Every structure is written in C-alpha cells, then in structure tokens.
Amino acid sequence: MLRHWTLNRYLARQYMLWFAVILGGLTSIVFLFNLAELMRRGAEHTDATFSVLLTMGVYRIPETVEQILPFAV
C-alpha cells in the first residue's frame, strides 16, 4: 500500500512540475508578444513610458493565463 502512495505522489509532483514549466513558458512567450504590441501602440504617445507599458503587460497576465490554460494541459 505504501508503494502506491509513494508512486502516486511522485507522479503527481512530476505532472505539476511540468505543467507549471509549460504554462510559465507559454505565458512568458505570449507576454513578450503582448509587450511588443503595447510598445508599438504606445510609440505615438509621449506619456507612455516603458514602465507604464510594462505595468499594463503585467496586468494582462491573468487574462493570458486564462486563455493559455487549455493548451498547457
């Protein structure tokens, strides 16, 4: 009985680790593309500094994760 518990815990840990790695990787790639798009749009506005655009990109991360979640599984 103990062997099954140990094996299940190991497999669950490995699954969660790789799930987090893939989700984080996909999220960071999409974040970079979103940041590039925000920089393109903000180029014509003088008050849109890089820190403001970066903050806007960070605020969009939860929405991005919600959209990417089905692909990470």
N, C-alpha and C. Protein backbone atom coordinates (compact mmCIF):
# COMPACT_ATOMS: atom_id res chain seq x y z
N MET A 1 0.82 -1.20 0.00
CA MET A 1 0.00 0.00 0.00
C MET A 1 0.86 1.26 0.00
N LEU A 2 1.96 1.22 0.71
CA LEU A 2 2.84 2.39 0.79
C LEU A 2 3.50 2.67 -0.56
N ARG A 3 3.77 1.66 -1.32
CA ARG A 3 4.40 1.86 -2.62
C ARG A 3 3.50 2.63 -3.57
N HIS A 4 2.23 2.32 -3.56
CA HIS A 4 1.31 3.03 -4.44
C HIS A 4 1.21 4.49 -4.05
N TRP A 5 1.20 4.77 -2.77
CA TRP A 5 1.13 6.15 -2.29
C TRP A 5 2.37 6.92 -2.71
N THR A 6 3.54 6.30 -2.58
CA THR A 6 4.78 6.96 -2.94
C THR A 6 4.84 7.20 -4.44
N LEU A 7 4.45 6.21 -5.22
CA LEU A 7 4.45 6.36 -6.68
C LEU A 7 3.45 7.42 -7.13
N ASN A 8 2.27 7.42 -6.55
CA ASN A 8 1.27 8.42 -6.91
C ASN A 8 1.74 9.83 -6.57
N ARG A 9 2.37 9.98 -5.42
CA ARG A 9 2.89 11.29 -5.04
C ARG A 9 4.00 11.75 -5.98
N TYR A 10 4.87 10.82 -6.35
CA TYR A 10 5.95 11.15 -7.30
C TYR A 10 5.38 11.57 -8.65
N LEU A 11 4.43 10.83 -9.17
CA LEU A 11 3.84 11.15 -10.47
C LEU A 11 3.07 12.46 -10.42
N ALA A 12 2.36 12.71 -9.35
CA ALA A 12 1.63 13.97 -9.21
C ALA A 12 2.60 15.14 -9.16
N ARG A 13 3.71 14.97 -8.44
CA ARG A 13 4.69 16.05 -8.35
C ARG A 13 5.33 16.32 -9.71
N GLN A 14 5.65 15.26 -10.45
CA GLN A 14 6.24 15.43 -11.77
C GLN A 14 5.26 16.10 -12.73
N TYR A 15 3.99 15.69 -12.68
CA TYR A 15 2.97 16.28 -13.54
C TYR A 15 2.81 17.77 -13.23
N MET A 16 2.72 18.11 -11.96
CA MET A 16 2.53 19.51 -11.57
C MET A 16 3.76 20.35 -11.93
N LEU A 17 4.95 19.77 -11.79
CA LEU A 17 6.17 20.50 -12.15
C LEU A 17 6.18 20.82 -13.63
N TRP A 18 5.95 19.82 -14.47
CA TRP A 18 5.99 20.06 -15.91
C TRP A 18 4.82 20.91 -16.38
N PHE A 19 3.68 20.79 -15.73
CA PHE A 19 2.55 21.65 -16.04
C PHE A 19 2.91 23.10 -15.77
N ALA A 20 3.54 23.37 -14.63
CA ALA A 20 3.93 24.73 -14.28
C ALA A 20 5.01 25.26 -15.22
N VAL A 21 5.94 24.41 -15.61
CA VAL A 21 7.01 24.84 -16.54
C VAL A 21 6.42 25.20 -17.90
N ILE A 22 5.56 24.36 -18.41
CA ILE A 22 4.97 24.62 -19.73
C ILE A 22 4.06 25.84 -19.68
N LEU A 23 3.25 25.94 -18.63
CA LEU A 23 2.37 27.11 -18.50
C LEU A 23 3.18 28.39 -18.36
N GLY A 24 4.23 28.36 -17.57
CA GLY A 24 5.09 29.54 -17.41
C GLY A 24 5.81 29.92 -18.70
N GLY A 25 6.28 28.92 -19.43
CA GLY A 25 6.95 29.20 -20.69
C GLY A 25 6.03 29.80 -21.73
N LEU A 26 4.85 29.22 -21.88
CA LEU A 26 3.88 29.76 -22.84
C LEU A 26 3.42 31.16 -22.43
N THR A 27 3.22 31.35 -21.14
CA THR A 27 2.79 32.66 -20.65
C THR A 27 3.86 33.71 -20.91
N SER A 28 5.12 33.36 -20.69
CA SER A 28 6.18 34.34 -20.91
C SER A 28 6.34 34.68 -22.39
N ILE A 29 6.16 33.70 -23.26
CA ILE A 29 6.25 33.98 -24.71
C ILE A 29 5.12 34.92 -25.13
N VAL A 30 3.89 34.63 -24.69
CA VAL A 30 2.75 35.48 -25.04
C VAL A 30 2.92 36.86 -24.41
N PHE A 31 3.46 36.92 -23.17
CA PHE A 31 3.71 38.20 -22.52
C PHE A 31 4.67 39.06 -23.34
N LEU A 32 5.72 38.46 -23.87
CA LEU A 32 6.67 39.23 -24.68
C LEU A 32 6.01 39.77 -25.95
N PHE A 33 5.17 38.97 -26.58
CA PHE A 33 4.47 39.45 -27.77
C PHE A 33 3.47 40.56 -27.40
N ASN A 34 2.79 40.41 -26.27
CA ASN A 34 1.87 41.46 -25.83
C ASN A 34 2.62 42.75 -25.50
N LEU A 35 3.79 42.61 -24.88
CA LEU A 35 4.58 43.78 -24.55
C LEU A 35 5.08 44.47 -25.82
N ALA A 36 5.47 43.70 -26.82
CA ALA A 36 5.88 44.29 -28.09
C ALA A 36 4.72 45.04 -28.74
N GLU A 37 3.52 44.47 -28.66
CA GLU A 37 2.34 45.14 -29.22
C GLU A 37 2.02 46.42 -28.45
N LEU A 38 2.15 46.37 -27.12
CA LEU A 38 1.92 47.58 -26.33
C LEU A 38 2.96 48.65 -26.64
N MET A 39 4.20 48.24 -26.87
CA MET A 39 5.23 49.21 -27.22
C MET A 39 4.95 49.84 -28.59
N ARG A 40 4.45 49.03 -29.53
CA ARG A 40 4.12 49.56 -30.85
C ARG A 40 2.98 50.58 -30.74
N ARG A 41 1.96 50.24 -29.95
CA ARG A 41 0.83 51.15 -29.79
C ARG A 41 1.22 52.39 -28.99
N GLY A 42 2.10 52.23 -28.02
CA GLY A 42 2.49 53.35 -27.17
C GLY A 42 3.57 54.23 -27.76
N ALA A 43 4.09 53.90 -28.92
CA ALA A 43 5.17 54.68 -29.52
C ALA A 43 4.71 56.09 -29.89
N GLU A 44 3.45 56.24 -30.20
CA GLU A 44 2.95 57.56 -30.62
C GLU A 44 2.50 58.43 -29.45
N HIS A 45 2.47 57.86 -28.25
CA HIS A 45 2.08 58.62 -27.06
C HIS A 45 3.32 58.96 -26.25
N THR A 46 3.50 60.23 -25.93
CA THR A 46 4.70 60.65 -25.21
C THR A 46 4.64 60.28 -23.72
N ASP A 47 3.45 60.15 -23.17
CA ASP A 47 3.35 59.84 -21.74
C ASP A 47 3.38 58.34 -21.46
N ALA A 48 3.49 57.51 -22.48
CA ALA A 48 3.55 56.06 -22.30
C ALA A 48 5.01 55.63 -22.19
N THR A 49 5.52 55.63 -20.96
CA THR A 49 6.90 55.20 -20.75
C THR A 49 6.95 53.67 -20.71
N PHE A 50 8.18 53.16 -20.71
CA PHE A 50 8.34 51.71 -20.70
C PHE A 50 7.79 51.10 -19.41
N SER A 51 7.95 51.80 -18.30
CA SER A 51 7.43 51.25 -17.04
C SER A 51 5.90 51.19 -17.05
N VAL A 52 5.26 52.16 -17.66
CA VAL A 52 3.79 52.14 -17.77
C VAL A 52 3.36 50.98 -18.67
N LEU A 53 4.05 50.80 -19.78
CA LEU A 53 3.71 49.71 -20.70
C LEU A 53 3.98 48.35 -20.07
N LEU A 54 5.06 48.25 -19.31
CA LEU A 54 5.38 47.01 -18.61
C LEU A 54 4.31 46.69 -17.57
N THR A 55 3.87 47.70 -16.86
CA THR A 55 2.80 47.51 -15.88
C THR A 55 1.51 47.06 -16.55
N MET A 56 1.19 47.65 -17.68
CA MET A 56 0.00 47.23 -18.42
C MET A 56 0.13 45.77 -18.87
N GLY A 57 1.33 45.39 -19.30
CA GLY A 57 1.55 44.00 -19.70
C GLY A 57 1.42 43.03 -18.54
N VAL A 58 1.92 43.43 -17.38
CA VAL A 58 1.81 42.58 -16.20
C VAL A 58 0.36 42.43 -15.77
N TYR A 59 -0.42 43.49 -15.90
CA TYR A 59 -1.83 43.43 -15.54
C TYR A 59 -2.62 42.51 -16.47
N ARG A 60 -2.10 42.25 -17.65
CA ARG A 60 -2.80 41.37 -18.60
C ARG A 60 -2.41 39.90 -18.42
N ILE A 61 -1.47 39.59 -17.55
CA ILE A 61 -1.02 38.21 -17.37
C ILE A 61 -2.14 37.28 -16.91
N PRO A 62 -3.00 37.65 -15.95
CA PRO A 62 -4.08 36.72 -15.58
C PRO A 62 -5.00 36.36 -16.74
N GLU A 63 -5.31 37.33 -17.58
CA GLU A 63 -6.14 37.04 -18.75
C GLU A 63 -5.39 36.12 -19.71
N THR A 64 -4.11 36.34 -19.86
CA THR A 64 -3.30 35.50 -20.74
C THR A 64 -3.25 34.07 -20.22
N VAL A 65 -3.06 33.91 -18.93
CA VAL A 65 -3.02 32.57 -18.34
C VAL A 65 -4.37 31.86 -18.53
N GLU A 66 -5.45 32.60 -18.39
CA GLU A 66 -6.78 32.02 -18.58
C GLU A 66 -6.96 31.54 -20.02
N GLN A 67 -6.41 32.26 -20.97
CA GLN A 67 -6.54 31.85 -22.37
C GLN A 67 -5.61 30.70 -22.72
N ILE A 68 -4.45 30.63 -22.08
CA ILE A 68 -3.44 29.61 -22.40
C ILE A 68 -3.70 28.30 -21.66
N LEU A 69 -4.40 28.34 -20.56
CA LEU A 69 -4.58 27.18 -19.69
C LEU A 69 -5.03 25.92 -20.44
N PRO A 70 -5.96 25.98 -21.35
CA PRO A 70 -6.35 24.73 -22.06
C PRO A 70 -5.21 24.13 -22.89
N PHE A 71 -4.29 24.95 -23.37
CA PHE A 71 -3.19 24.44 -24.18
C PHE A 71 -2.07 23.85 -23.34
N ALA A 72 -1.97 24.24 -22.08
CA ALA A 72 -0.91 23.75 -21.21
C ALA A 72 -1.22 22.37 -20.66
N VAL A 73 -2.48 22.01 -20.65
CA VAL A 73 -2.85 20.70 -20.12
C VAL A 73 -2.64 19.70 -21.21
